[in-house]
Amino acid sequence: MKNRIAAEWYTYAEATLADVPADSVQRTETRRAFYAGALAAYSQIMVNLTPGPDPQPADEQMLRDLDAELHEFGEAVKRGLA
């Protein structure tokens, strides 16, 4: 089993927390929030996928919507708005 979310967490933590004077409680809470976000995204995908072996247009639209929302949030963070 590959721990894909853990790998993303370590990449994120290295990029955002390395130079921040965060204590262990803050780091733990940040990690929990990171995993909660991953669970929310995963749940959206799994609950809303069309049953069956082939992707449907609604499935593709859902993924585009999630992609757009995440990119918009990332841009808002860069601008200091989120």
PDB file of N, CA and C in Angstrom:
ATOM      1  N   MET A   1       0.838  -1.176   0.000  1.00  0.00           N
ATOM      2  CA  MET A   1       0.000   0.000   0.000  1.00  0.00           C
ATOM      3  C   MET A   1       0.888   1.246   0.000  1.00  0.00           C
ATOM      4  N   LYS A   2       0.560   2.179  -0.869  1.00  0.00           N
ATOM      5  CA  LYS A   2       1.263   3.459  -0.885  1.00  0.00           C
ATOM      6  C   LYS A   2       0.483   4.454  -0.052  1.00  0.00           C
ATOM      7  N   ASN A   3       1.163   5.171   0.784  1.00  0.00           N
ATOM      8  CA  ASN A   3       0.526   6.220   1.580  1.00  0.00           C
ATOM      9  C   ASN A   3       0.611   7.533   0.809  1.00  0.00           C
ATOM     10  N   ARG A   4      -0.263   7.689  -0.156  1.00  0.00           N
ATOM     11  CA  ARG A   4      -0.233   8.828  -1.062  1.00  0.00           C
ATOM     12  C   ARG A   4      -0.573  10.139  -0.349  1.00  0.00           C
ATOM     13  N   ILE A   5      -1.550  10.091   0.536  1.00  0.00           N
ATOM     14  CA  ILE A   5      -1.929  11.314   1.245  1.00  0.00           C
ATOM     15  C   ILE A   5      -0.817  11.721   2.198  1.00  0.00           C
ATOM     16  N   ALA A   6      -0.204  10.756   2.848  1.00  0.00           N
ATOM     17  CA  ALA A   6       0.921  11.063   3.739  1.00  0.00           C
ATOM     18  C   ALA A   6       2.054  11.721   2.960  1.00  0.00           C
ATOM     19  N   ALA A   7       2.317  11.213   1.768  1.00  0.00           N
ATOM     20  CA  ALA A   7       3.375  11.812   0.942  1.00  0.00           C
ATOM     21  C   ALA A   7       3.030  13.257   0.605  1.00  0.00           C
ATOM     22  N   GLU A   8       1.772  13.523   0.275  1.00  0.00           N
ATOM     23  CA  GLU A   8       1.351  14.897  -0.004  1.00  0.00           C
ATOM     24  C   GLU A   8       1.449  15.762   1.242  1.00  0.00           C
ATOM     25  N   TRP A   9       1.094  15.180   2.393  1.00  0.00           N
ATOM     26  CA  TRP A   9       1.190  15.937   3.651  1.00  0.00           C
ATOM     27  C   TRP A   9       2.630  16.383   3.896  1.00  0.00           C
ATOM     28  N   TYR A  10       3.577  15.467   3.736  1.00  0.00           N
ATOM     29  CA  TYR A  10       4.973  15.815   4.000  1.00  0.00           C
ATOM     30  C   TYR A  10       5.475  16.881   3.018  1.00  0.00           C
ATOM     31  N   THR A  11       5.042  16.790   1.771  1.00  0.00           N
ATOM     32  CA  THR A  11       5.407  17.814   0.794  1.00  0.00           C
ATOM     33  C   THR A  11       4.815  19.161   1.205  1.00  0.00           C
ATOM     34  N   TYR A  12       3.544  19.155   1.587  1.00  0.00           N
ATOM     35  CA  TYR A  12       2.868  20.377   2.018  1.00  0.00           C
ATOM     36  C   TYR A  12       3.534  20.946   3.274  1.00  0.00           C
ATOM     37  N   ALA A  13       3.766  20.104   4.261  1.00  0.00           N
ATOM     38  CA  ALA A  13       4.354  20.558   5.519  1.00  0.00           C
ATOM     39  C   ALA A  13       5.743  21.139   5.297  1.00  0.00           C
ATOM     40  N   GLU A  14       6.507  20.500   4.454  1.00  0.00           N
ATOM     41  CA  GLU A  14       7.854  20.998   4.152  1.00  0.00           C
ATOM     42  C   GLU A  14       7.793  22.382   3.506  1.00  0.00           C
ATOM     43  N   ALA A  15       6.819  22.560   2.616  1.00  0.00           N
ATOM     44  CA  ALA A  15       6.712  23.822   1.890  1.00  0.00           C
ATOM     45  C   ALA A  15       6.112  24.942   2.729  1.00  0.00           C
ATOM     46  N   THR A  16       5.272  24.610   3.698  1.00  0.00           N
ATOM     47  CA  THR A  16       4.538  25.656   4.416  1.00  0.00           C
ATOM     48  C   THR A  16       4.905  25.808   5.879  1.00  0.00           C
ATOM     49  N   LEU A  17       5.404  24.766   6.499  1.00  0.00           N
ATOM     50  CA  LEU A  17       5.662  24.821   7.937  1.00  0.00           C
ATOM     51  C   LEU A  17       7.142  24.830   8.311  1.00  0.00           C
ATOM     52  N   ALA A  18       7.999  24.632   7.342  1.00  0.00           N
ATOM     53  CA  ALA A  18       9.424  24.511   7.646  1.00  0.00           C
ATOM     54  C   ALA A  18       9.985  25.765   8.314  1.00  0.00           C
ATOM     55  N   ASP A  19       9.539  26.929   7.880  1.00  0.00           N
ATOM     56  CA  ASP A  19      10.086  28.184   8.408  1.00  0.00           C
ATOM     57  C   ASP A  19       9.132  28.887   9.374  1.00  0.00           C
ATOM     58  N   VAL A  20       8.112  28.159   9.823  1.00  0.00           N
ATOM     59  CA  VAL A  20       7.106  28.744  10.711  1.00  0.00           C
ATOM     60  C   VAL A  20       7.339  28.240  12.130  1.00  0.00           C
ATOM     61  N   PRO A  21       7.335  29.135  13.107  1.00  0.00           N
ATOM     62  CA  PRO A  21       7.523  28.681  14.490  1.00  0.00           C
ATOM     63  C   PRO A  21       6.226  28.077  15.049  1.00  0.00           C
ATOM     64  N   ALA A  22       5.840  26.909  14.536  1.00  0.00           N
ATOM     65  CA  ALA A  22       4.620  26.237  14.985  1.00  0.00           C
ATOM     66  C   ALA A  22       4.980  25.163  16.008  1.00  0.00           C
ATOM     67  N   ASP A  23       4.198  25.102  17.067  1.00  0.00           N
ATOM     68  CA  ASP A  23       4.444  24.062  18.067  1.00  0.00           C
ATOM     69  C   ASP A  23       3.789  22.755  17.626  1.00  0.00           C
ATOM     70  N   SER A  24       3.975  21.694  18.408  1.00  0.00           N
ATOM     71  CA  SER A  24       3.480  20.374  18.016  1.00  0.00           C
ATOM     72  C   SER A  24       1.956  20.339  17.940  1.00  0.00           C
ATOM     73  N   VAL A  25       1.272  21.104  18.779  1.00  0.00           N
ATOM     74  CA  VAL A  25      -0.190  21.136  18.733  1.00  0.00           C
ATOM     75  C   VAL A  25      -0.653  21.747  17.411  1.00  0.00           C
ATOM     76  N   GLN A  26      -0.050  22.848  17.013  1.00  0.00           N
ATOM     77  CA  GLN A  26      -0.428  23.489  15.753  1.00  0.00           C
ATOM     78  C   GLN A  26      -0.134  22.579  14.569  1.00  0.00           C
ATOM     79  N   ARG A  27       0.998  21.908  14.603  1.00  0.00           N
ATOM     80  CA  ARG A  27       1.334  20.979  13.517  1.00  0.00           C
ATOM     81  C   ARG A  27       0.345  19.816  13.464  1.00  0.00           C
ATOM     82  N   THR A  28      -0.041  19.295  14.627  1.00  0.00           N
ATOM     83  CA  THR A  28      -1.013  18.204  14.678  1.00  0.00           C
ATOM     84  C   THR A  28      -2.355  18.663  14.128  1.00  0.00           C
ATOM     85  N   GLU A  29      -2.810  19.840  14.543  1.00  0.00           N
ATOM     86  CA  GLU A  29      -4.091  20.360  14.062  1.00  0.00           C
ATOM     87  C   GLU A  29      -4.041  20.624  12.559  1.00  0.00           C
ATOM     88  N   THR A  30      -2.919  21.117  12.059  1.00  0.00           N
ATOM     89  CA  THR A  30      -2.774  21.353  10.627  1.00  0.00           C
ATOM     90  C   THR A  30      -2.831  20.035   9.862  1.00  0.00           C
ATOM     91  N   ARG A  31      -2.174  19.017  10.392  1.00  0.00           N
ATOM     92  CA  ARG A  31      -2.193  17.695   9.738  1.00  0.00           C
ATOM     93  C   ARG A  31      -3.604  17.123   9.744  1.00  0.00           C
ATOM     94  N   ARG A  32      -4.323  17.280  10.846  1.00  0.00           N
ATOM     95  CA  ARG A  32      -5.698  16.777  10.908  1.00  0.00           C
ATOM     96  C   ARG A  32      -6.578  17.501   9.897  1.00  0.00           C
ATOM     97  N   ALA A  33      -6.412  18.806   9.779  1.00  0.00           N
ATOM     98  CA  ALA A  33      -7.193  19.576   8.803  1.00  0.00           C
ATOM     99  C   ALA A  33      -6.847  19.138   7.381  1.00  0.00           C
ATOM    100  N   PHE A  34      -5.570  18.861   7.131  1.00  0.00           N
ATOM    101  CA  PHE A  34      -5.133  18.404   5.808  1.00  0.00           C
ATOM    102  C   PHE A  34      -5.821  17.085   5.462  1.00  0.00           C
ATOM    103  N   TYR A  35      -5.813  16.144   6.394  1.00  0.00           N
ATOM    104  CA  TYR A  35      -6.452  14.852   6.162  1.00  0.00           C
ATOM    105  C   TYR A  35      -7.969  14.990   6.054  1.00  0.00           C
ATOM    106  N   ALA A  36      -8.570  15.893   6.811  1.00  0.00           N
ATOM    107  CA  ALA A  36     -10.010  16.131   6.709  1.00  0.00           C
ATOM    108  C   ALA A  36     -10.355  16.641   5.313  1.00  0.00           C
ATOM    109  N   GLY A  37      -9.527  17.515   4.776  1.00  0.00           N
ATOM    110  CA  GLY A  37      -9.741  18.001   3.417  1.00  0.00           C
ATOM    111  C   GLY A  37      -9.615  16.883   2.393  1.00  0.00           C
ATOM    112  N   ALA A  38      -8.633  16.021   2.584  1.00  0.00           N
ATOM    113  CA  ALA A  38      -8.465  14.887   1.677  1.00  0.00           C
ATOM    114  C   ALA A  38      -9.684  13.964   1.746  1.00  0.00           C
ATOM    115  N   LEU A  39     -10.185  13.730   2.950  1.00  0.00           N
ATOM    116  CA  LEU A  39     -11.365  12.884   3.122  1.00  0.00           C
ATOM    117  C   LEU A  39     -12.589  13.528   2.469  1.00  0.00           C
ATOM    118  N   ALA A  40     -12.744  14.828   2.621  1.00  0.00           N
ATOM    119  CA  ALA A  40     -13.877  15.520   2.008  1.00  0.00           C
ATOM    120  C   ALA A  40     -13.837  15.394   0.489  1.00  0.00           C
ATOM    121  N   ALA A  41     -12.668  15.595  -0.099  1.00  0.00           N
ATOM    122  CA  ALA A  41     -12.536  15.482  -1.554  1.00  0.00           C
ATOM    123  C   ALA A  41     -12.807  14.043  -1.999  1.00  0.00           C
ATOM    124  N   TYR A  42     -12.220  13.087  -1.304  1.00  0.00           N
ATOM    125  CA  TYR A  42     -12.422  11.679  -1.635  1.00  0.00           C
ATOM    126  C   TYR A  42     -13.904  11.315  -1.532  1.00  0.00           C
ATOM    127  N   SER A  43     -14.553  11.774  -0.483  1.00  0.00           N
ATOM    128  CA  SER A  43     -15.977  11.474  -0.285  1.00  0.00           C
ATOM    129  C   SER A  43     -16.815  12.058  -1.413  1.00  0.00           C
ATOM    130  N   GLN A  44     -16.523  13.288  -1.806  1.00  0.00           N
ATOM    131  CA  GLN A  44     -17.257  13.904  -2.910  1.00  0.00           C
ATOM    132  C   GLN A  44     -17.149  13.054  -4.172  1.00  0.00           C
ATOM    133  N   ILE A  45     -15.959  12.568  -4.427  1.00  0.00           N
ATOM    134  CA  ILE A  45     -15.744  11.761  -5.626  1.00  0.00           C
ATOM    135  C   ILE A  45     -16.476  10.423  -5.508  1.00  0.00           C
ATOM    136  N   MET A  46     -16.283   9.720  -4.407  1.00  0.00           N
ATOM    137  CA  MET A  46     -16.839   8.381  -4.275  1.00  0.00           C
ATOM    138  C   MET A  46     -18.366   8.376  -4.183  1.00  0.00           C
ATOM    139  N   VAL A  47     -18.942   9.351  -3.509  1.00  0.00           N
ATOM    140  CA  VAL A  47     -20.396   9.401  -3.338  1.00  0.00           C
ATOM    141  C   VAL A  47     -21.085   9.809  -4.640  1.00  0.00           C
ATOM    142  N   ASN A  48     -20.429  10.634  -5.430  1.00  0.00           N
ATOM    143  CA  ASN A  48     -21.081  11.204  -6.603  1.00  0.00           C
ATOM    144  C   ASN A  48     -20.735  10.544  -7.931  1.00  0.00           C
ATOM    145  N   LEU A  49     -19.837   9.563  -7.918  1.00  0.00           N
ATOM    146  CA  LEU A  49     -19.535   8.881  -9.172  1.00  0.00           C
ATOM    147  C   LEU A  49     -20.746   8.095  -9.659  1.00  0.00           C
ATOM    148  N   THR A  50     -20.935   8.112 -10.966  1.00  0.00           N
ATOM    149  CA  THR A  50     -21.994   7.319 -11.569  1.00  0.00           C
ATOM    150  C   THR A  50     -21.613   5.842 -11.471  1.00  0.00           C
ATOM    151  N   PRO A  51     -22.544   4.992 -11.006  1.00  0.00           N
ATOM    152  CA  PRO A  51     -22.228   3.563 -10.944  1.00  0.00           C
ATOM    153  C   PRO A  51     -21.905   3.012 -12.337  1.00  0.00           C
ATOM    154  N   GLY A  52     -20.993   2.074 -12.387  1.00  0.00           N
ATOM    155  CA  GLY A  52     -20.640   1.440 -13.648  1.00  0.00           C
ATOM    156  C   GLY A  52     -19.170   1.603 -13.962  1.00  0.00           C
ATOM    157  N   PRO A  53     -18.706   0.868 -14.947  1.00  0.00           N
ATOM    158  CA  PRO A  53     -17.267   0.857 -15.249  1.00  0.00           C
ATOM    159  C   PRO A  53     -16.763   2.067 -16.037  1.00  0.00           C
ATOM    160  N   ASP A  54     -17.659   2.769 -16.713  1.00  0.00           N
ATOM    161  CA  ASP A  54     -17.212   3.854 -17.587  1.00  0.00           C
ATOM    162  C   ASP A  54     -17.571   5.218 -17.003  1.00  0.00           C
ATOM    163  N   PRO A  55     -16.648   6.171 -17.091  1.00  0.00           N
ATOM    164  CA  PRO A  55     -16.964   7.518 -16.620  1.00  0.00           C
ATOM    165  C   PRO A  55     -18.063   8.146 -17.483  1.00  0.00           C
ATOM    166  N   GLN A  56     -18.898   8.918 -16.833  1.00  0.00           N
ATOM    167  CA  GLN A  56     -19.986   9.608 -17.505  1.00  0.00           C
ATOM    168  C   GLN A  56     -19.680  11.107 -17.551  1.00  0.00           C
ATOM    169  N   PRO A  57     -20.351  11.858 -18.417  1.00  0.00           N
ATOM    170  CA  PRO A  57     -20.121  13.299 -18.466  1.00  0.00           C
ATOM    171  C   PRO A  57     -20.289  13.974 -17.101  1.00  0.00           C
ATOM    172  N   ALA A  58     -21.231  13.527 -16.293  1.00  0.00           N
ATOM    173  CA  ALA A  58     -21.424  14.116 -14.963  1.00  0.00           C
ATOM    174  C   ALA A  58     -20.211  13.868 -14.073  1.00  0.00           C
ATOM    175  N   ASP A  59     -19.567  12.710 -14.224  1.00  0.00           N
ATOM    176  CA  ASP A  59     -18.363  12.401 -13.448  1.00  0.00           C
ATOM    177  C   ASP A  59     -17.232  13.349 -13.838  1.00  0.00           C
ATOM    178  N   GLU A  60     -17.067  13.541 -15.113  1.00  0.00           N
ATOM    179  CA  GLU A  60     -16.026  14.427 -15.603  1.00  0.00           C
ATOM    180  C   GLU A  60     -16.284  15.869 -15.168  1.00  0.00           C
ATOM    181  N   GLN A  61     -17.551  16.288 -15.182  1.00  0.00           N
ATOM    182  CA  GLN A  61     -17.884  17.634 -14.745  1.00  0.00           C
ATOM    183  C   GLN A  61     -17.590  17.816 -13.264  1.00  0.00           C
ATOM    184  N   MET A  62     -17.902  16.791 -12.464  1.00  0.00           N
ATOM    185  CA  MET A  62     -17.626  16.858 -11.027  1.00  0.00           C
ATOM    186  C   MET A  62     -16.129  17.060 -10.791  1.00  0.00           C
ATOM    187  N   LEU A  63     -15.296  16.329 -11.503  1.00  0.00           N
ATOM    188  CA  LEU A  63     -13.849  16.465 -11.342  1.00  0.00           C
ATOM    189  C   LEU A  63     -13.372  17.837 -11.806  1.00  0.00           C
ATOM    190  N   ARG A  64     -13.946  18.351 -12.895  1.00  0.00           N
ATOM    191  CA  ARG A  64     -13.596  19.701 -13.338  1.00  0.00           C
ATOM    192  C   ARG A  64     -14.002  20.736 -12.292  1.00  0.00           C
ATOM    193  N   ASP A  65     -15.189  20.552 -11.691  1.00  0.00           N
ATOM    194  CA  ASP A  65     -15.653  21.473 -10.654  1.00  0.00           C
ATOM    195  C   ASP A  65     -14.715  21.464  -9.446  1.00  0.00           C
ATOM    196  N   LEU A  66     -14.323  20.262  -8.999  1.00  0.00           N
ATOM    197  CA  LEU A  66     -13.397  20.159  -7.865  1.00  0.00           C
ATOM    198  C   LEU A  66     -12.058  20.806  -8.215  1.00  0.00           C
ATOM    199  N   ASP A  67     -11.575  20.555  -9.415  1.00  0.00           N
ATOM    200  CA  ASP A  67     -10.307  21.129  -9.857  1.00  0.00           C
ATOM    201  C   ASP A  67     -10.382  22.656  -9.858  1.00  0.00           C
ATOM    202  N   ALA A  68     -11.463  23.199 -10.397  1.00  0.00           N
ATOM    203  CA  ALA A  68     -11.620  24.648 -10.463  1.00  0.00           C
ATOM    204  C   ALA A  68     -11.700  25.256  -9.064  1.00  0.00           C
ATOM    205  N   GLU A  69     -12.455  24.613  -8.181  1.00  0.00           N
ATOM    206  CA  GLU A  69     -12.597  25.142  -6.820  1.00  0.00           C
ATOM    207  C   GLU A  69     -11.258  25.154  -6.092  1.00  0.00           C
ATOM    208  N   LEU A  70     -10.494  24.087  -6.230  1.00  0.00           N
ATOM    209  CA  LEU A  70      -9.192  24.023  -5.566  1.00  0.00           C
ATOM    210  C   LEU A  70      -8.230  25.049  -6.140  1.00  0.00           C
ATOM    211  N   HIS A  71      -8.245  25.231  -7.443  1.00  0.00           N
ATOM    212  CA  HIS A  71      -7.378  26.248  -8.052  1.00  0.00           C
ATOM    213  C   HIS A  71      -7.793  27.656  -7.612  1.00  0.00           C
ATOM    214  N   GLU A  72      -9.086  27.913  -7.560  1.00  0.00           N
ATOM    215  CA  GLU A  72      -9.565  29.223  -7.111  1.00  0.00           C
ATOM    216  C   GLU A  72      -9.124  29.491  -5.673  1.00  0.00           C
ATOM    217  N   PHE A  73      -9.218  28.478  -4.821  1.00  0.00           N
ATOM    218  CA  PHE A  73      -8.796  28.654  -3.436  1.00  0.00           C
ATOM    219  C   PHE A  73      -7.291  28.928  -3.371  1.00  0.00           C
ATOM    220  N   GLY A  74      -6.519  28.186  -4.141  1.00  0.00           N
ATOM    221  CA  GLY A  74      -5.071  28.399  -4.167  1.00  0.00           C
ATOM    222  C   GLY A  74      -4.719  29.803  -4.599  1.00  0.00           C
ATOM    223  N   GLU A  75      -5.413  30.322  -5.582  1.00  0.00           N
ATOM    224  CA  GLU A  75      -5.174  31.698  -6.034  1.00  0.00           C
ATOM    225  C   GLU A  75      -5.577  32.692  -4.947  1.00  0.00           C
ATOM    226  N   ALA A  76      -6.675  32.427  -4.256  1.00  0.00           N
ATOM    227  CA  ALA A  76      -7.105  33.313  -3.161  1.00  0.00           C
ATOM    228  C   ALA A  76      -6.068  33.326  -2.036  1.00  0.00           C
ATOM    229  N   VAL A  77      -5.483  32.174  -1.749  1.00  0.00           N
ATOM    230  CA  VAL A  77      -4.435  32.106  -0.724  1.00  0.00           C
ATOM    231  C   VAL A  77      -3.240  32.952  -1.160  1.00  0.00           C
ATOM    232  N   LYS A  78      -2.837  32.823  -2.409  1.00  0.00           N
ATOM    233  CA  LYS A  78      -1.702  33.601  -2.917  1.00  0.00           C
ATOM    234  C   LYS A  78      -1.943  35.106  -2.787  1.00  0.00           C
ATOM    235  N   ARG A  79      -3.192  35.519  -2.963  1.00  0.00           N
ATOM    236  CA  ARG A  79      -3.538  36.939  -2.877  1.00  0.00           C
ATOM    237  C   ARG A  79      -3.851  37.377  -1.441  1.00  0.00           C
ATOM    238  N   GLY A  80      -3.759  36.437  -0.501  1.00  0.00           N
ATOM    239  CA  GLY A  80      -4.023  36.770   0.896  1.00  0.00           C
ATOM    240  C   GLY A  80      -5.503  36.920   1.217  1.00  0.00           C
ATOM    241  N   LEU A  81      -6.340  36.299   0.423  1.00  0.00           N
ATOM    242  CA  LEU A  81      -7.784  36.420   0.598  1.00  0.00           C
ATOM    243  C   LEU A  81      -8.431  35.184   1.223  1.00  0.00           C
ATOM    244  N   ALA A  82      -7.643  34.181   1.510  1.00  0.00           N
ATOM    245  CA  ALA A  82      -8.194  32.961   2.115  1.00  0.00           C
ATOM    246  C   ALA A  82      -7.232  32.420   3.148  1.00  0.00           C
TER     247      ALA A  82
END
